[in-house]
PDB file of all heavy atoms in Angstrom:
ATOM      1  N   ALA A   1      24.231 -62.669 -31.022  1.00  0.00           N
ATOM      2  CA  ALA A   1      25.574 -62.962 -31.557  1.00  0.00           C
ATOM      3  C   ALA A   1      26.580 -61.834 -31.184  1.00  0.00           C
ATOM      4  O   ALA A   1      27.676 -62.099 -30.648  1.00  0.00           O
ATOM      5  CB  ALA A   1      25.504 -63.057 -33.103  1.00  0.00           C
ATOM      6  N   ILE A   2      26.144 -60.604 -31.295  1.00  0.00           N
ATOM      7  CA  ILE A   2      27.107 -59.483 -31.005  1.00  0.00           C
ATOM      8  C   ILE A   2      27.406 -59.362 -29.476  1.00  0.00           C
ATOM      9  O   ILE A   2      28.557 -59.294 -29.111  1.00  0.00           O
ATOM     10  CB  ILE A   2      26.457 -58.191 -31.481  1.00  0.00           C
ATOM     11  CG1 ILE A   2      26.358 -58.156 -33.033  1.00  0.00           C
ATOM     12  CG2 ILE A   2      27.342 -56.941 -31.047  1.00  0.00           C
ATOM     13  CD1 ILE A   2      25.603 -56.992 -33.630  1.00  0.00           C
ATOM     14  N   VAL A   3      26.346 -59.382 -28.706  1.00  0.00           N
ATOM     15  CA  VAL A   3      26.503 -59.252 -27.285  1.00  0.00           C
ATOM     16  C   VAL A   3      27.243 -60.524 -26.714  1.00  0.00           C
ATOM     17  O   VAL A   3      28.176 -60.409 -25.894  1.00  0.00           O
ATOM     18  CB  VAL A   3      25.217 -59.084 -26.517  1.00  0.00           C
ATOM     19  CG1 VAL A   3      25.399 -59.173 -25.014  1.00  0.00           C
ATOM     20  CG2 VAL A   3      24.526 -57.778 -26.983  1.00  0.00           C
ATOM     21  N   GLY A   4      26.849 -61.704 -27.218  1.00  0.00           N
ATOM     22  CA  GLY A   4      27.502 -62.938 -26.752  1.00  0.00           C
ATOM     23  C   GLY A   4      28.962 -62.951 -27.049  1.00  0.00           C
ATOM     24  O   GLY A   4      29.777 -63.324 -26.170  1.00  0.00           O
ATOM     25  N   LEU A   5      29.391 -62.570 -28.289  1.00  0.00           N
ATOM     26  CA  LEU A   5      30.785 -62.583 -28.615  1.00  0.00           C
ATOM     27  C   LEU A   5      31.605 -61.552 -27.765  1.00  0.00           C
ATOM     28  O   LEU A   5      32.747 -61.807 -27.432  1.00  0.00           O
ATOM     29  CB  LEU A   5      30.973 -62.370 -30.091  1.00  0.00           C
ATOM     30  CG  LEU A   5      30.553 -63.529 -31.008  1.00  0.00           C
ATOM     31  CD1 LEU A   5      30.610 -63.088 -32.467  1.00  0.00           C
ATOM     32  CD2 LEU A   5      31.401 -64.753 -30.783  1.00  0.00           C
ATOM     33  N   THR A   6      30.951 -60.403 -27.551  1.00  0.00           N
ATOM     34  CA  THR A   6      31.586 -59.380 -26.732  1.00  0.00           C
ATOM     35  C   THR A   6      31.802 -59.863 -25.268  1.00  0.00           C
ATOM     36  O   THR A   6      32.953 -59.748 -24.750  1.00  0.00           O
ATOM     37  CB  THR A   6      30.741 -58.105 -26.688  1.00  0.00           C
ATOM     38  OG1 THR A   6      30.526 -57.619 -28.059  1.00  0.00           O
ATOM     39  CG2 THR A   6      31.442 -56.989 -25.857  1.00  0.00           C
ATOM     40  N   VAL A   7      30.773 -60.391 -24.700  1.00  0.00           N
ATOM     41  CA  VAL A   7      30.906 -60.958 -23.371  1.00  0.00           C
ATOM     42  C   VAL A   7      31.904 -62.141 -23.328  1.00  0.00           C
ATOM     43  O   VAL A   7      32.680 -62.266 -22.371  1.00  0.00           O
ATOM     44  CB  VAL A   7      29.565 -61.446 -22.824  1.00  0.00           C
ATOM     45  CG1 VAL A   7      29.692 -62.163 -21.456  1.00  0.00           C
ATOM     46  CG2 VAL A   7      28.570 -60.284 -22.696  1.00  0.00           C
ATOM     47  N   PHE A   8      31.954 -62.940 -24.405  1.00  0.00           N
ATOM     48  CA  PHE A   8      32.845 -64.023 -24.499  1.00  0.00           C
ATOM     49  C   PHE A   8      34.259 -63.572 -24.390  1.00  0.00           C
ATOM     50  O   PHE A   8      35.118 -64.104 -23.647  1.00  0.00           O
ATOM     51  CB  PHE A   8      32.629 -64.777 -25.779  1.00  0.00           C
ATOM     52  CG  PHE A   8      33.669 -65.787 -26.114  1.00  0.00           C
ATOM     53  CD1 PHE A   8      33.802 -66.960 -25.343  1.00  0.00           C
ATOM     54  CD2 PHE A   8      34.571 -65.590 -27.160  1.00  0.00           C
ATOM     55  CE1 PHE A   8      34.792 -67.898 -25.672  1.00  0.00           C
ATOM     56  CE2 PHE A   8      35.563 -66.542 -27.443  1.00  0.00           C
ATOM     57  CZ  PHE A   8      35.700 -67.673 -26.703  1.00  0.00           C
ATOM     58  N   VAL A   9      34.655 -62.507 -25.179  1.00  0.00           N
ATOM     59  CA  VAL A   9      36.035 -62.013 -25.164  1.00  0.00           C
ATOM     60  C   VAL A   9      36.348 -61.494 -23.810  1.00  0.00           C
ATOM     61  O   VAL A   9      37.479 -61.707 -23.260  1.00  0.00           O
ATOM     62  CB  VAL A   9      36.188 -60.920 -26.262  1.00  0.00           C
ATOM     63  CG1 VAL A   9      37.531 -60.254 -26.181  1.00  0.00           C
ATOM     64  CG2 VAL A   9      35.964 -61.506 -27.670  1.00  0.00           C
ATOM     65  N   LEU A  10      35.460 -60.702 -23.200  1.00  0.00           N
ATOM     66  CA  LEU A  10      35.774 -60.131 -21.886  1.00  0.00           C
ATOM     67  C   LEU A  10      35.926 -61.183 -20.845  1.00  0.00           C
ATOM     68  O   LEU A  10      36.772 -61.107 -19.995  1.00  0.00           O
ATOM     69  CB  LEU A  10      34.599 -59.148 -21.487  1.00  0.00           C
ATOM     70  CG  LEU A  10      34.446 -57.938 -22.324  1.00  0.00           C
ATOM     71  CD1 LEU A  10      33.166 -57.130 -21.948  1.00  0.00           C
ATOM     72  CD2 LEU A  10      35.694 -56.991 -22.308  1.00  0.00           C
ATOM     73  N   TRP A  11      35.073 -62.233 -20.894  1.00  0.00           N
ATOM     74  CA  TRP A  11      35.190 -63.327 -19.941  1.00  0.00           C
ATOM     75  C   TRP A  11      36.473 -64.123 -20.083  1.00  0.00           C
ATOM     76  O   TRP A  11      37.157 -64.401 -19.094  1.00  0.00           O
ATOM     77  CB  TRP A  11      33.936 -64.222 -20.105  1.00  0.00           C
ATOM     78  CG  TRP A  11      34.045 -65.565 -19.356  1.00  0.00           C
ATOM     79  CD1 TRP A  11      34.403 -66.741 -19.825  1.00  0.00           C
ATOM     80  CD2 TRP A  11      33.729 -65.702 -17.964  1.00  0.00           C
ATOM     81  NE1 TRP A  11      34.399 -67.694 -18.808  1.00  0.00           N
ATOM     82  CE2 TRP A  11      34.007 -67.097 -17.630  1.00  0.00           C
ATOM     83  CE3 TRP A  11      33.304 -64.855 -16.951  1.00  0.00           C
ATOM     84  CZ2 TRP A  11      33.769 -67.572 -16.344  1.00  0.00           C
ATOM     85  CZ3 TRP A  11      33.077 -65.409 -15.661  1.00  0.00           C
ATOM     86  CH2 TRP A  11      33.334 -66.748 -15.361  1.00  0.00           C
ATOM     87  N   GLU A  12      36.815 -64.389 -21.353  1.00  0.00           N
ATOM     88  CA  GLU A  12      38.050 -65.173 -21.591  1.00  0.00           C
ATOM     89  C   GLU A  12      39.296 -64.513 -21.110  1.00  0.00           C
ATOM     90  O   GLU A  12      40.226 -65.104 -20.564  1.00  0.00           O
ATOM     91  CB  GLU A  12      38.162 -65.467 -23.085  1.00  0.00           C
ATOM     92  CG  GLU A  12      37.094 -66.429 -23.602  1.00  0.00           C
ATOM     93  CD  GLU A  12      37.113 -67.754 -22.957  1.00  0.00           C
ATOM     94  OE1 GLU A  12      37.965 -68.624 -23.376  1.00  0.00           O
ATOM     95  OE2 GLU A  12      36.319 -68.033 -22.064  1.00  0.00           O
ATOM     96  N   LYS A  13      39.322 -63.176 -21.205  1.00  0.00           N
ATOM     97  CA  LYS A  13      40.492 -62.445 -20.769  1.00  0.00           C
ATOM     98  C   LYS A  13      40.697 -62.473 -19.246  1.00  0.00           C
ATOM     99  O   LYS A  13      41.804 -62.165 -18.783  1.00  0.00           O
ATOM    100  CB  LYS A  13      40.430 -60.976 -21.281  1.00  0.00           C
ATOM    101  CG  LYS A  13      40.599 -60.801 -22.764  1.00  0.00           C
ATOM    102  CD  LYS A  13      40.568 -59.376 -23.145  1.00  0.00           C
ATOM    103  CE  LYS A  13      40.841 -59.168 -24.696  1.00  0.00           C
ATOM    104  NZ  LYS A  13      40.917 -57.776 -25.048  1.00  0.00           N
ATOM    105  N   ARG A  14      39.682 -62.828 -18.509  1.00  0.00           N
ATOM    106  CA  ARG A  14      39.719 -62.848 -17.067  1.00  0.00           C
ATOM    107  C   ARG A  14      40.032 -64.251 -16.527  1.00  0.00           C
ATOM    108  O   ARG A  14      40.223 -64.440 -15.313  1.00  0.00           O
ATOM    109  CB  ARG A  14      38.398 -62.338 -16.421  1.00  0.00           C
ATOM    110  CG  ARG A  14      38.087 -60.911 -16.822  1.00  0.00           C
ATOM    111  CD  ARG A  14      36.783 -60.532 -16.264  1.00  0.00           C
ATOM    112  NE  ARG A  14      36.621 -60.709 -14.845  1.00  0.00           N
ATOM    113  CZ  ARG A  14      35.454 -60.643 -14.219  1.00  0.00           C
ATOM    114  NH1 ARG A  14      34.363 -60.287 -14.815  1.00  0.00           N
ATOM    115  NH2 ARG A  14      35.366 -60.818 -12.884  1.00  0.00           N
ATOM    116  N   GLN A  15      40.055 -65.297 -17.385  1.00  0.00           N
ATOM    117  CA  GLN A  15      40.188 -66.653 -16.928  1.00  0.00           C
ATOM    118  C   GLN A  15      41.661 -67.135 -16.911  1.00  0.00           C
ATOM    119  O   GLN A  15      42.444 -66.745 -17.763  1.00  0.00           O
ATOM    120  CB  GLN A  15      39.386 -67.609 -17.852  1.00  0.00           C
ATOM    121  CG  GLN A  15      37.930 -67.301 -17.952  1.00  0.00           C
ATOM    122  CD  GLN A  15      37.240 -67.060 -16.582  1.00  0.00           C
ATOM    123  OE1 GLN A  15      37.270 -68.009 -15.783  1.00  0.00           O
ATOM    124  NE2 GLN A  15      36.732 -65.916 -16.351  1.00  0.00           N
ATOM    125  N   ALA A  16      41.952 -67.940 -15.870  1.00  0.00           N
ATOM    126  CA  ALA A  16      43.295 -68.458 -15.751  1.00  0.00           C
ATOM    127  C   ALA A  16      43.544 -69.573 -16.803  1.00  0.00           C
ATOM    128  O   ALA A  16      44.625 -69.754 -17.316  1.00  0.00           O
ATOM    129  CB  ALA A  16      43.546 -69.034 -14.378  1.00  0.00           C
ATOM    130  N   ALA A  17      42.455 -70.321 -17.101  1.00  0.00           N
ATOM    131  CA  ALA A  17      42.584 -71.378 -18.129  1.00  0.00           C
ATOM    132  C   ALA A  17      41.422 -71.218 -19.135  1.00  0.00           C
ATOM    133  O   ALA A  17      40.393 -71.967 -19.071  1.00  0.00           O
ATOM    134  CB  ALA A  17      42.456 -72.803 -17.466  1.00  0.00           C
ATOM    135  N   PRO A  18      41.505 -70.232 -19.989  1.00  0.00           N
ATOM    136  CA  PRO A  18      40.415 -69.913 -20.890  1.00  0.00           C
ATOM    137  C   PRO A  18      40.178 -70.936 -21.999  1.00  0.00           C
ATOM    138  O   PRO A  18      41.129 -71.707 -22.360  1.00  0.00           O
ATOM    139  CB  PRO A  18      40.795 -68.537 -21.450  1.00  0.00           C
ATOM    140  CG  PRO A  18      42.292 -68.616 -21.481  1.00  0.00           C
ATOM    141  CD  PRO A  18      42.683 -69.344 -20.234  1.00  0.00           C
ATOM    142  N   PHE A  19      38.998 -70.944 -22.512  1.00  0.00           N
ATOM    143  CA  PHE A  19      38.679 -71.820 -23.669  1.00  0.00           C
ATOM    144  C   PHE A  19      39.494 -71.335 -24.900  1.00  0.00           C
ATOM    145  O   PHE A  19      40.067 -72.120 -25.620  1.00  0.00           O
ATOM    146  CB  PHE A  19      37.159 -71.691 -23.974  1.00  0.00           C
ATOM    147  CG  PHE A  19      36.726 -72.367 -25.286  1.00  0.00           C
ATOM    148  CD1 PHE A  19      37.026 -73.681 -25.531  1.00  0.00           C
ATOM    149  CD2 PHE A  19      36.091 -71.597 -26.186  1.00  0.00           C
ATOM    150  CE1 PHE A  19      36.617 -74.268 -26.707  1.00  0.00           C
ATOM    151  CE2 PHE A  19      35.680 -72.168 -27.392  1.00  0.00           C
ATOM    152  CZ  PHE A  19      35.955 -73.508 -27.731  1.00  0.00           C
ATOM    153  N   VAL A  20      39.580 -69.995 -25.083  1.00  0.00           N
ATOM    154  CA  VAL A  20      40.426 -69.418 -26.108  1.00  0.00           C
ATOM    155  C   VAL A  20      41.380 -68.470 -25.422  1.00  0.00           C
ATOM    156  O   VAL A  20      40.916 -67.482 -24.792  1.00  0.00           O
ATOM    157  CB  VAL A  20      39.611 -68.694 -27.207  1.00  0.00           C
ATOM    158  CG1 VAL A  20      40.520 -67.938 -28.186  1.00  0.00           C
ATOM    159  CG2 VAL A  20      38.747 -69.680 -27.962  1.00  0.00           C
ATOM    160  N   ASP A  21      42.651 -68.657 -25.507  1.00  0.00           N
ATOM    161  CA  ASP A  21      43.602 -67.810 -24.825  1.00  0.00           C
ATOM    162  C   ASP A  21      43.938 -66.606 -25.656  1.00  0.00           C
ATOM    163  O   ASP A  21      44.776 -66.680 -26.594  1.00  0.00           O
ATOM    164  CB  ASP A  21      44.861 -68.625 -24.484  1.00  0.00           C
ATOM    165  CG  ASP A  21      45.885 -67.874 -23.631  1.00  0.00           C
ATOM    166  OD1 ASP A  21      45.558 -66.677 -23.288  1.00  0.00           O
ATOM    167  OD2 ASP A  21      46.947 -68.443 -23.308  1.00  0.00           O
ATOM    168  N   PHE A  22      43.347 -65.505 -25.409  1.00  0.00           N
ATOM    169  CA  PHE A  22      43.516 -64.276 -26.257  1.00  0.00           C
ATOM    170  C   PHE A  22      44.843 -63.691 -26.000  1.00  0.00           C
ATOM    171  O   PHE A  22      45.306 -62.814 -26.765  1.00  0.00           O
ATOM    172  CB  PHE A  22      42.382 -63.265 -25.960  1.00  0.00           C
ATOM    173  CG  PHE A  22      41.062 -63.621 -26.655  1.00  0.00           C
ATOM    174  CD1 PHE A  22      40.092 -64.206 -25.931  1.00  0.00           C
ATOM    175  CD2 PHE A  22      40.883 -63.328 -27.972  1.00  0.00           C
ATOM    176  CE1 PHE A  22      38.884 -64.581 -26.576  1.00  0.00           C
ATOM    177  CE2 PHE A  22      39.691 -63.658 -28.617  1.00  0.00           C
ATOM    178  CZ  PHE A  22      38.713 -64.240 -27.874  1.00  0.00           C
ATOM    179  N   ALA A  23      45.573 -64.082 -24.942  1.00  0.00           N
ATOM    180  CA  ALA A  23      46.943 -63.532 -24.750  1.00  0.00           C
ATOM    181  C   ALA A  23      47.855 -63.932 -25.901  1.00  0.00           C
ATOM    182  O   ALA A  23      48.825 -63.206 -26.192  1.00  0.00           O
ATOM    183  CB  ALA A  23      47.500 -64.104 -23.413  1.00  0.00           C
ATOM    184  N   LEU A  24      47.558 -65.031 -26.560  1.00  0.00           N
ATOM    185  CA  LEU A  24      48.383 -65.444 -27.697  1.00  0.00           C
ATOM    186  C   LEU A  24      48.367 -64.425 -28.820  1.00  0.00           C
ATOM    187  O   LEU A  24      49.271 -64.303 -29.584  1.00  0.00           O
ATOM    188  CB  LEU A  24      47.867 -66.804 -28.242  1.00  0.00           C
ATOM    189  CG  LEU A  24      48.079 -68.019 -27.313  1.00  0.00           C
ATOM    190  CD1 LEU A  24      47.370 -69.207 -27.917  1.00  0.00           C
ATOM    191  CD2 LEU A  24      49.493 -68.264 -27.074  1.00  0.00           C
ATOM    192  N   PHE A  25      47.244 -63.612 -28.859  1.00  0.00           N
ATOM    193  CA  PHE A  25      47.132 -62.658 -30.011  1.00  0.00           C
ATOM    194  C   PHE A  25      48.003 -61.410 -29.776  1.00  0.00           C
ATOM    195  O   PHE A  25      47.939 -60.504 -30.587  1.00  0.00           O
ATOM    196  CB  PHE A  25      45.629 -62.314 -30.162  1.00  0.00           C
ATOM    197  CG  PHE A  25      44.848 -63.394 -30.792  1.00  0.00           C
ATOM    198  CD1 PHE A  25      44.141 -64.326 -29.947  1.00  0.00           C
ATOM    199  CD2 PHE A  25      44.844 -63.688 -32.142  1.00  0.00           C
ATOM    200  CE1 PHE A  25      43.390 -65.324 -30.481  1.00  0.00           C
ATOM    201  CE2 PHE A  25      44.142 -64.744 -32.685  1.00  0.00           C
ATOM    202  CZ  PHE A  25      43.399 -65.582 -31.866  1.00  0.00           C
ATOM    203  N   ARG A  26      48.677 -61.364 -28.606  1.00  0.00           N
ATOM    204  CA  ARG A  26      49.605 -60.285 -28.422  1.00  0.00           C
ATOM    205  C   ARG A  26      50.796 -60.425 -29.455  1.00  0.00           C
ATOM    206  O   ARG A  26      51.510 -59.420 -29.698  1.00  0.00           O
ATOM    207  CB  ARG A  26      50.163 -60.271 -27.001  1.00  0.00           C
ATOM    208  CG  ARG A  26      49.066 -59.969 -25.985  1.00  0.00           C
ATOM    209  CD  ARG A  26      49.603 -60.194 -24.567  1.00  0.00           C
ATOM    210  NE  ARG A  26      48.497 -60.045 -23.575  1.00  0.00           N
ATOM    211  CZ  ARG A  26      48.624 -60.373 -22.310  1.00  0.00           C
ATOM    212  NH1 ARG A  26      49.749 -60.952 -21.877  1.00  0.00           N
ATOM    213  NH2 ARG A  26      47.615 -60.199 -21.472  1.00  0.00           N
ATOM    214  N   ASN A  27      51.015 -61.631 -29.886  1.00  0.00           N
ATOM    215  CA  ASN A  27      52.031 -61.897 -30.936  1.00  0.00           C
ATOM    216  C   ASN A  27      51.373 -61.601 -32.252  1.00  0.00           C
ATOM    217  O   ASN A  27      50.515 -62.271 -32.748  1.00  0.00           O
ATOM    218  CB  ASN A  27      52.447 -63.336 -30.883  1.00  0.00           C
ATOM    219  CG  ASN A  27      53.592 -63.646 -31.854  1.00  0.00           C
ATOM    220  OD1 ASN A  27      53.510 -63.309 -33.028  1.00  0.00           O
ATOM    221  ND2 ASN A  27      54.632 -64.269 -31.355  1.00  0.00           N
ATOM    222  N   THR A  28      51.759 -60.462 -32.922  1.00  0.00           N
ATOM    223  CA  THR A  28      51.128 -60.036 -34.102  1.00  0.00           C
ATOM    224  C   THR A  28      51.309 -61.018 -35.331  1.00  0.00           C
ATOM    225  O   THR A  28      50.461 -61.111 -36.142  1.00  0.00           O
ATOM    226  CB  THR A  28      51.617 -58.634 -34.565  1.00  0.00           C
ATOM    227  OG1 THR A  28      53.057 -58.674 -34.637  1.00  0.00           O
ATOM    228  CG2 THR A  28      51.194 -57.601 -33.538  1.00  0.00           C
ATOM    229  N   THR A  29      52.472 -61.726 -35.273  1.00  0.00           N
ATOM    230  CA  THR A  29      52.643 -62.709 -36.349  1.00  0.00           C
ATOM    231  C   THR A  29      51.669 -63.837 -36.240  1.00  0.00           C
ATOM    232  O   THR A  29      51.079 -64.203 -37.241  1.00  0.00           O
ATOM    233  CB  THR A  29      54.112 -63.230 -36.272  1.00  0.00           C
ATOM    234  OG1 THR A  29      55.039 -62.203 -36.298  1.00  0.00           O
ATOM    235  CG2 THR A  29      54.361 -64.236 -37.397  1.00  0.00           C
ATOM    236  N   PHE A  30      51.425 -64.339 -35.028  1.00  0.00           N
ATOM    237  CA  PHE A  30      50.396 -65.394 -34.844  1.00  0.00           C
ATOM    238  C   PHE A  30      49.078 -64.844 -35.181  1.00  0.00           C
ATOM    239  O   PHE A  30      48.255 -65.486 -35.879  1.00  0.00           O
ATOM    240  CB  PHE A  30      50.404 -65.778 -33.342  1.00  0.00           C
ATOM    241  CG  PHE A  30      49.334 -66.729 -32.936  1.00  0.00           C
ATOM    242  CD1 PHE A  30      49.414 -68.070 -33.187  1.00  0.00           C
ATOM    243  CD2 PHE A  30      48.145 -66.253 -32.350  1.00  0.00           C
ATOM    244  CE1 PHE A  30      48.412 -68.973 -32.909  1.00  0.00           C
ATOM    245  CE2 PHE A  30      47.119 -67.093 -32.004  1.00  0.00           C
ATOM    246  CZ  PHE A  30      47.262 -68.449 -32.278  1.00  0.00           C
ATOM    247  N   THR A  31      48.725 -63.613 -34.778  1.00  0.00           N
ATOM    248  CA  THR A  31      47.436 -62.996 -35.137  1.00  0.00           C
ATOM    249  C   THR A  31      47.242 -62.926 -36.640  1.00  0.00           C
ATOM    250  O   THR A  31      46.184 -63.295 -37.135  1.00  0.00           O
ATOM    251  CB  THR A  31      47.338 -61.604 -34.530  1.00  0.00           C
ATOM    252  OG1 THR A  31      47.555 -61.705 -33.112  1.00  0.00           O
ATOM    253  CG2 THR A  31      46.042 -60.919 -34.827  1.00  0.00           C
ATOM    254  N   GLY A  32      48.228 -62.375 -37.350  1.00  0.00           N
ATOM    255  CA  GLY A  32      48.091 -62.228 -38.781  1.00  0.00           C
ATOM    256  C   GLY A  32      47.979 -63.585 -39.508  1.00  0.00           C
ATOM    257  O   GLY A  32      47.147 -63.706 -40.420  1.00  0.00           O
ATOM    258  N   ALA A  33      48.730 -64.519 -39.088  1.00  0.00           N
ATOM    259  CA  ALA A  33      48.668 -65.867 -39.687  1.00  0.00           C
ATOM    260  C   ALA A  33      47.340 -66.517 -39.449  1.00  0.00           C
ATOM    261  O   ALA A  33      46.674 -67.069 -40.338  1.00  0.00           O
ATOM    262  CB  ALA A  33      49.774 -66.768 -39.246  1.00  0.00           C
ATOM    263  N   THR A  34      46.801 -66.351 -38.234  1.00  0.00           N
ATOM    264  CA  THR A  34      45.535 -66.983 -37.885  1.00  0.00           C
ATOM    265  C   THR A  34      44.371 -66.263 -38.548  1.00  0.00           C
ATOM    266  O   THR A  34      43.426 -66.959 -39.119  1.00  0.00           O
ATOM    267  CB  THR A  34      45.298 -66.888 -36.342  1.00  0.00           C
ATOM    268  OG1 THR A  34      46.368 -67.539 -35.681  1.00  0.00           O
ATOM    269  CG2 THR A  34      44.021 -67.569 -35.925  1.00  0.00           C
ATOM    270  N   ILE A  35      44.411 -64.938 -38.659  1.00  0.00           N
ATOM    271  CA  ILE A  35      43.321 -64.193 -39.336  1.00  0.00           C
ATOM    272  C   ILE A  35      43.378 -64.562 -40.856  1.00  0.00           C
ATOM    273  O   ILE A  35      42.324 -64.788 -41.481  1.00  0.00           O
ATOM    274  CB  ILE A  35      43.531 -62.702 -39.089  1.00  0.00           C
ATOM    275  CG1 ILE A  35      43.176 -62.285 -37.721  1.00  0.00           C
ATOM    276  CG2 ILE A  35      42.600 -61.911 -40.086  1.00  0.00           C
ATOM    277  CD1 ILE A  35      43.475 -60.867 -37.356  1.00  0.00           C
ATOM    278  N   SER A  36      44.515 -64.568 -41.473  1.00  0.00           N
ATOM    279  CA  SER A  36      44.551 -64.855 -42.903  1.00  0.00           C
ATOM    280  C   SER A  36      44.195 -66.306 -43.118  1.00  0.00           C
ATOM    281  O   SER A  36      43.578 -66.630 -44.176  1.00  0.00           O
ATOM    282  CB  SER A  36      46.043 -64.552 -43.449  1.00  0.00           C
ATOM    283  OG  SER A  36      46.985 -65.406 -42.820  1.00  0.00           O
ATOM    284  N   ASN A  37      44.523 -67.181 -42.205  1.00  0.00           N
ATOM    285  CA  ASN A  37      44.078 -68.598 -42.315  1.00  0.00           C
ATOM    286  C   ASN A  37      42.579 -68.692 -42.260  1.00  0.00           C
ATOM    287  O   ASN A  37      41.947 -69.420 -43.056  1.00  0.00           O
ATOM    288  CB  ASN A  37      44.719 -69.396 -41.197  1.00  0.00           C
ATOM    289  CG  ASN A  37      44.304 -70.848 -41.121  1.00  0.00           C
ATOM    290  OD1 ASN A  37      44.308 -71.553 -42.142  1.00  0.00           O
ATOM    291  ND2 ASN A  37      43.942 -71.393 -39.930  1.00  0.00           N
ATOM    292  N   PHE A  38      41.983 -67.977 -41.381  1.00  0.00           N
ATOM    293  CA  PHE A  38      40.491 -67.930 -41.281  1.00  0.00           C
ATOM    294  C   PHE A  38      39.901 -67.433 -42.628  1.00  0.00           C
ATOM    295  O   PHE A  38      38.963 -67.999 -43.170  1.00  0.00           O
ATOM    296  CB  PHE A  38      40.038 -67.004 -40.135  1.00  0.00           C
ATOM    297  CG  PHE A  38      38.542 -66.816 -40.012  1.00  0.00           C
ATOM    298  CD1 PHE A  38      37.800 -67.640 -39.252  1.00  0.00           C
ATOM    299  CD2 PHE A  38      37.986 -65.753 -40.700  1.00  0.00           C
ATOM    300  CE1 PHE A  38      36.423 -67.455 -39.099  1.00  0.00           C
ATOM    301  CE2 PHE A  38      36.596 -65.527 -40.635  1.00  0.00           C
ATOM    302  CZ  PHE A  38      35.815 -66.418 -39.781  1.00  0.00           C
TER     303      PHE A  38
END
């Protein structure tokens, strides 16, 4: 779980069309709303 999630994040950041676009989390408002929603 730990290694897989770490590799997942690193992999996604290198993709042009990622499964989860982590670039969206540069917007802290989006990040905070999504985390609090979770």
